[in-house]
Amino acid sequence: MQTAALRDLGLGGEWSYEAIEVAPDDFEELVRGMEGEGFAGANVTVPHKLAALAVADSASPAANGIGAANTLSFADGRIAAFNTDASGILGALPVSPEGRRALVLGAGGSARAAIWALAGAGAKVCVWNRTSERAARLADELGGSVVEPDPGTGTLPLERFDLVLNATSVGLNDASHPGTDLKALRLDDDGFHEGHLVMDLVYGAAPTQLLAAAAAGGASVVDGLEVLVHQGAASLRIWTGRTPSVEVMRSAARES
Protein backbone atom coordinates (compact mmCIF):
# COMPACT_ATOMS: atom_id res chain seq x y z
CA MET A 1 0.00 0.00 0.00
CA GLN A 2 2.93 2.35 0.66
CA THR A 3 4.41 1.59 -2.75
CA ALA A 4 1.07 2.30 -4.41
CA ALA A 5 0.77 5.59 -2.54
CA LEU A 6 4.30 6.67 -3.48
CA ARG A 7 3.60 5.88 -7.11
CA ASP A 8 0.32 7.83 -6.97
CA LEU A 9 2.15 10.84 -5.49
CA GLY A 10 4.69 10.76 -8.33
CA LEU A 11 7.45 9.70 -5.95
CA GLY A 12 7.83 6.12 -7.15
CA GLY A 13 11.09 6.84 -8.94
CA GLU A 14 12.74 8.45 -5.89
CA TRP A 15 11.24 6.60 -2.94
CA SER A 16 10.80 2.92 -2.09
CA TYR A 17 9.39 0.99 0.86
CA GLU A 18 10.92 -2.28 2.00
CA ALA A 19 10.66 -4.78 4.84
CA ILE A 20 13.65 -5.32 7.13
CA GLU A 21 13.74 -8.06 9.74
CA VAL A 22 15.88 -7.36 12.78
CA ALA A 23 16.45 -9.08 16.11
CA PRO A 24 15.83 -7.02 19.27
CA ASP A 25 19.53 -7.04 20.20
CA ASP A 26 20.42 -5.50 16.83
CA PHE A 27 17.59 -2.97 16.65
CA GLU A 28 19.34 0.14 17.98
CA GLU A 29 22.45 -0.33 15.85
CA LEU A 30 20.34 -0.80 12.73
CA VAL A 31 18.18 2.25 13.39
CA ARG A 32 21.11 4.55 14.14
CA GLY A 33 22.68 3.66 10.81
CA MET A 34 19.58 4.03 8.65
CA GLU A 35 19.88 7.73 7.80
CA GLY A 36 23.39 7.13 6.52
CA GLU A 37 22.02 4.37 4.30
CA GLY A 38 19.57 6.81 2.71
CA PHE A 39 16.43 6.05 4.73
CA ALA A 40 14.05 8.91 5.50
CA GLY A 41 12.20 6.91 8.12
CA ALA A 42 10.81 3.57 9.19
CA ASN A 43 7.69 1.89 10.45
CA VAL A 44 8.29 -0.25 13.51
CA THR A 45 6.21 -3.21 14.59
CA VAL A 46 6.28 -5.61 17.53
CA PRO A 47 8.45 -6.32 19.39
CA HIS A 48 10.35 -3.09 18.75
CA LYS A 49 7.87 -0.30 19.58
CA LEU A 50 9.23 0.41 23.06
CA ALA A 51 12.80 0.32 21.78
CA ALA A 52 11.86 2.72 18.99
CA LEU A 53 10.73 5.29 21.53
CA ALA A 54 13.83 4.76 23.67
CA VAL A 55 16.28 5.26 20.79
CA ALA A 56 14.69 8.52 19.60
CA ASP A 57 16.05 12.00 20.28
CA SER A 58 12.53 13.46 20.33
CA ALA A 59 9.00 12.11 20.42
CA SER A 60 5.53 13.28 19.48
CA PRO A 61 2.86 13.79 22.17
CA ALA A 62 1.16 10.60 20.99
CA ALA A 63 4.33 8.51 21.25
CA ASN A 64 5.09 9.91 24.71
CA GLY A 65 1.52 9.51 25.90
CA ILE A 66 1.16 5.95 24.65
CA GLY A 67 4.67 4.99 25.66
CA ALA A 68 5.56 3.42 22.33
CA ALA A 69 6.47 4.42 18.77
CA ASN A 70 5.57 2.77 15.47
CA THR A 71 7.11 5.39 13.17
CA LEU A 72 10.60 6.90 13.08
CA SER A 73 11.88 9.81 11.02
CA PHE A 74 15.54 10.53 10.31
CA ALA A 75 16.95 14.01 9.59
CA ASP A 76 20.15 15.91 10.38
CA GLY A 77 21.53 13.09 12.48
CA ARG A 78 18.53 12.98 14.77
CA ILE A 79 15.77 10.40 15.24
CA ALA A 80 12.18 11.51 15.86
CA ALA A 81 9.55 9.06 17.14
CA PHE A 82 5.84 9.09 16.38
CA ASN A 83 2.86 6.88 17.05
CA THR A 84 0.35 6.74 14.21
CA ASP A 85 -1.57 3.79 15.66
CA ALA A 86 -3.76 6.21 17.61
CA SER A 87 -4.53 8.44 14.63
CA GLY A 88 -5.09 5.32 12.52
CA ILE A 89 -7.76 4.12 14.93
CA LEU A 90 -9.50 7.50 15.03
CA GLY A 91 -9.21 7.94 11.26
CA ALA A 92 -10.80 4.55 10.62
CA LEU A 93 -13.82 5.24 12.82
CA PRO A 94 -16.85 6.40 10.78
CA VAL A 95 -18.07 8.60 13.66
CA SER A 96 -16.48 10.66 16.41
CA PRO A 97 -15.96 8.75 19.67
CA GLU A 98 -16.70 11.87 21.71
CA GLY A 99 -19.31 11.14 24.36
CA ARG A 100 -19.47 7.43 23.49
CA ARG A 101 -19.04 4.57 25.92
CA ALA A 102 -16.11 2.50 24.69
CA LEU A 103 -14.97 -0.99 25.66
CA VAL A 104 -11.33 -1.81 24.84
CA LEU A 105 -10.38 -5.48 24.96
CA GLY A 106 -6.72 -6.07 25.78
CA ALA A 107 -3.83 -4.47 27.65
CA GLY A 108 -0.92 -4.65 25.21
CA GLY A 109 0.64 -2.02 22.97
CA SER A 110 -2.33 -1.76 20.62
CA ALA A 111 -4.68 -1.41 23.58
CA ARG A 112 -2.52 1.42 24.94
CA ALA A 113 -2.87 3.29 21.65
CA ALA A 114 -6.61 2.64 21.54
CA ILE A 115 -7.25 3.82 25.10
CA TRP A 116 -5.08 6.92 24.68
CA ALA A 117 -6.77 7.81 21.39
CA LEU A 118 -10.36 7.21 22.51
CA ALA A 119 -9.99 8.89 25.89
CA GLY A 120 -8.27 11.86 24.28
CA ALA A 121 -11.13 12.16 21.80
CA GLY A 122 -13.70 12.36 24.57
CA ALA A 123 -14.90 8.77 24.93
CA LYS A 124 -15.61 7.16 28.28
CA VAL A 125 -13.30 4.15 28.16
CA CYS A 126 -13.56 0.85 30.00
CA VAL A 127 -10.85 -1.80 29.75
CA TRP A 128 -11.03 -5.59 29.98
CA ASN A 129 -8.12 -7.97 29.98
CA ARG A 130 -7.76 -11.61 31.00
CA THR A 131 -5.42 -10.34 33.71
CA SER A 132 -7.42 -7.80 35.70
CA GLU A 133 -4.32 -6.26 37.27
CA ARG A 134 -2.92 -5.32 33.86
CA ALA A 135 -6.22 -3.75 32.86
CA ALA A 136 -6.31 -1.76 36.10
CA ARG A 137 -2.77 -0.44 35.64
CA LEU A 138 -3.51 0.59 32.08
CA ALA A 139 -6.79 2.28 32.96
CA ASP A 140 -5.17 4.21 35.82
CA GLU A 141 -2.30 5.34 33.61
CA LEU A 142 -4.19 6.35 30.48
CA GLY A 143 -7.61 7.33 31.77
CA GLY A 144 -10.41 4.83 32.09
CA SER A 145 -11.93 2.18 34.30
CA VAL A 146 -11.97 -1.60 34.45
CA VAL A 147 -14.96 -3.74 33.55
CA GLU A 148 -15.44 -7.38 34.54
CA PRO A 149 -17.67 -10.11 33.08
CA ASP A 150 -21.07 -10.59 34.66
CA PRO A 151 -20.72 -13.27 37.39
CA GLY A 152 -23.88 -14.98 36.25
CA THR A 153 -23.29 -15.16 32.50
CA GLY A 154 -19.50 -14.94 32.38
CA THR A 155 -19.75 -12.40 29.57
CA LEU A 156 -19.05 -8.70 29.35
CA PRO A 157 -22.05 -6.34 29.53
CA LEU A 158 -22.19 -5.20 25.90
CA GLU A 159 -25.42 -3.28 26.53
CA ARG A 160 -23.40 -0.71 28.46
CA PHE A 161 -21.28 0.27 25.46
CA ASP A 162 -21.61 2.04 22.12
CA LEU A 163 -18.15 1.15 20.79
CA VAL A 164 -16.28 -2.15 21.20
CA LEU A 165 -12.63 -2.37 20.12
CA ASN A 166 -10.64 -5.60 20.12
CA ALA A 167 -6.95 -4.87 20.68
CA THR A 168 -5.97 -8.43 21.56
CA SER A 169 -4.42 -11.02 19.26
CA VAL A 170 -7.59 -13.09 19.54
CA GLY A 171 -9.47 -13.09 16.28
CA LEU A 172 -7.47 -15.03 13.74
CA ASN A 173 -9.93 -17.27 11.98
CA ASP A 174 -9.91 -20.90 13.02
CA ALA A 175 -12.58 -22.80 11.13
CA SER A 176 -12.01 -25.91 13.25
CA HIS A 177 -12.98 -24.10 16.44
CA PRO A 178 -15.93 -21.84 15.58
CA GLY A 179 -16.98 -19.46 18.33
CA THR A 180 -13.81 -19.81 20.39
CA ASP A 181 -12.78 -16.22 19.66
CA LEU A 182 -15.88 -14.80 21.30
CA LYS A 183 -15.50 -17.08 24.31
CA ALA A 184 -11.90 -15.98 24.76
CA LEU A 185 -13.02 -12.35 24.63
CA ARG A 186 -15.87 -13.04 27.08
CA LEU A 187 -18.46 -11.82 24.58
CA ASP A 188 -21.96 -13.07 23.88
CA ASP A 189 -22.48 -13.41 20.13
CA ASP A 190 -26.14 -12.48 20.63
CA GLY A 191 -25.23 -9.30 22.51
CA PHE A 192 -24.59 -7.07 19.49
CA HIS A 193 -27.27 -4.78 18.11
CA GLU A 194 -27.81 -2.00 15.62
CA GLY A 195 -26.47 0.69 17.94
CA HIS A 196 -23.04 -0.90 18.32
CA LEU A 197 -19.88 0.07 16.45
CA VAL A 198 -17.31 -2.74 16.57
CA MET A 199 -13.66 -2.46 15.54
CA ASP A 200 -11.21 -5.37 15.41
CA LEU A 201 -7.53 -4.53 15.00
CA VAL A 202 -6.90 -8.08 13.75
CA TYR A 203 -7.11 -8.29 9.97
CA GLY A 204 -6.97 -11.00 7.35
CA ALA A 205 -8.56 -12.26 4.17
CA ALA A 206 -11.89 -12.92 5.90
CA PRO A 207 -13.80 -11.14 8.70
CA THR A 208 -12.89 -12.25 12.20
CA GLN A 209 -15.47 -14.14 14.23
CA LEU A 210 -15.99 -10.99 16.29
CA LEU A 211 -16.86 -8.85 13.28
CA ALA A 212 -19.00 -11.58 11.74
CA ALA A 213 -21.06 -11.89 14.94
CA ALA A 214 -21.32 -8.12 15.30
CA ALA A 215 -22.49 -7.65 11.72
CA ALA A 216 -25.03 -10.46 12.11
CA GLY A 217 -26.49 -8.57 15.07
CA GLY A 218 -26.83 -5.38 13.07
CA ALA A 219 -23.75 -3.56 14.38
CA SER A 220 -21.51 -1.39 12.22
CA VAL A 221 -18.03 -2.92 11.86
CA VAL A 222 -14.51 -1.72 11.03
CA ASP A 223 -11.72 -4.20 10.32
CA GLY A 224 -8.05 -3.93 11.16
CA LEU A 225 -7.02 -3.39 7.57
CA GLU A 226 -8.81 -0.04 7.58
CA VAL A 227 -6.84 0.97 10.66
CA LEU A 228 -3.61 -0.22 9.00
CA VAL A 229 -4.33 1.97 5.97
CA HIS A 230 -4.96 5.10 8.03
CA GLN A 231 -1.91 4.68 10.25
CA GLY A 232 0.20 3.99 7.16
CA ALA A 233 -1.05 7.15 5.50
CA ALA A 234 -0.11 9.16 8.58
CA SER A 235 3.40 7.69 8.51
CA LEU A 236 3.83 8.55 4.85
CA ARG A 237 2.81 12.16 5.54
CA ILE A 238 5.53 12.38 8.20
CA TRP A 239 8.25 11.12 5.87
CA THR A 240 7.34 12.93 2.65
CA GLY A 241 5.38 15.98 3.77
CA ARG A 242 2.75 14.95 1.22
CA THR A 243 -0.79 13.70 1.83
CA PRO A 244 -1.30 10.28 0.21
CA SER A 245 -4.58 8.97 -1.14
CA VAL A 246 -6.26 6.77 1.45
CA GLU A 247 -8.37 5.31 -1.35
CA VAL A 248 -5.27 4.24 -3.30
CA MET A 249 -3.72 2.71 -0.20
CA ARG A 250 -6.94 0.94 0.77
CA SER A 251 -7.33 -0.56 -2.67
CA ALA A 252 -3.74 -1.80 -2.72
CA ALA A 253 -3.98 -3.27 0.79
CA ARG A 254 -7.22 -5.12 0.08
CA GLU A 255 -5.92 -6.52 -3.21
CA SER A 256 -2.72 -7.90 -1.66
Foldseek 3Di string as FASTA:
>chain_A
DVLLQCVVVVNNVPDDDDDDDDDPVCVLVVVLCVVVVPDQKAFADPPCFLVLVVSFPEEDPLCVLLNGFGMWGDDPSGIYGYHLLLVLVCVQDPDQQAPFEEEEEDQDSSSSSPLLNNVVSHHAYEYDYPDQVSRCVSCVSRPHYYFAADPVQQATQCVRGQEYEYPDPQFDDDPVDPPVSCVNRRHDLLNAAQRHEYEYLDDDLDGTSNVVSNVVRNYHYTYNLSSVLSSVQVNVCVRPVDRTDSVSSSVVSNVD
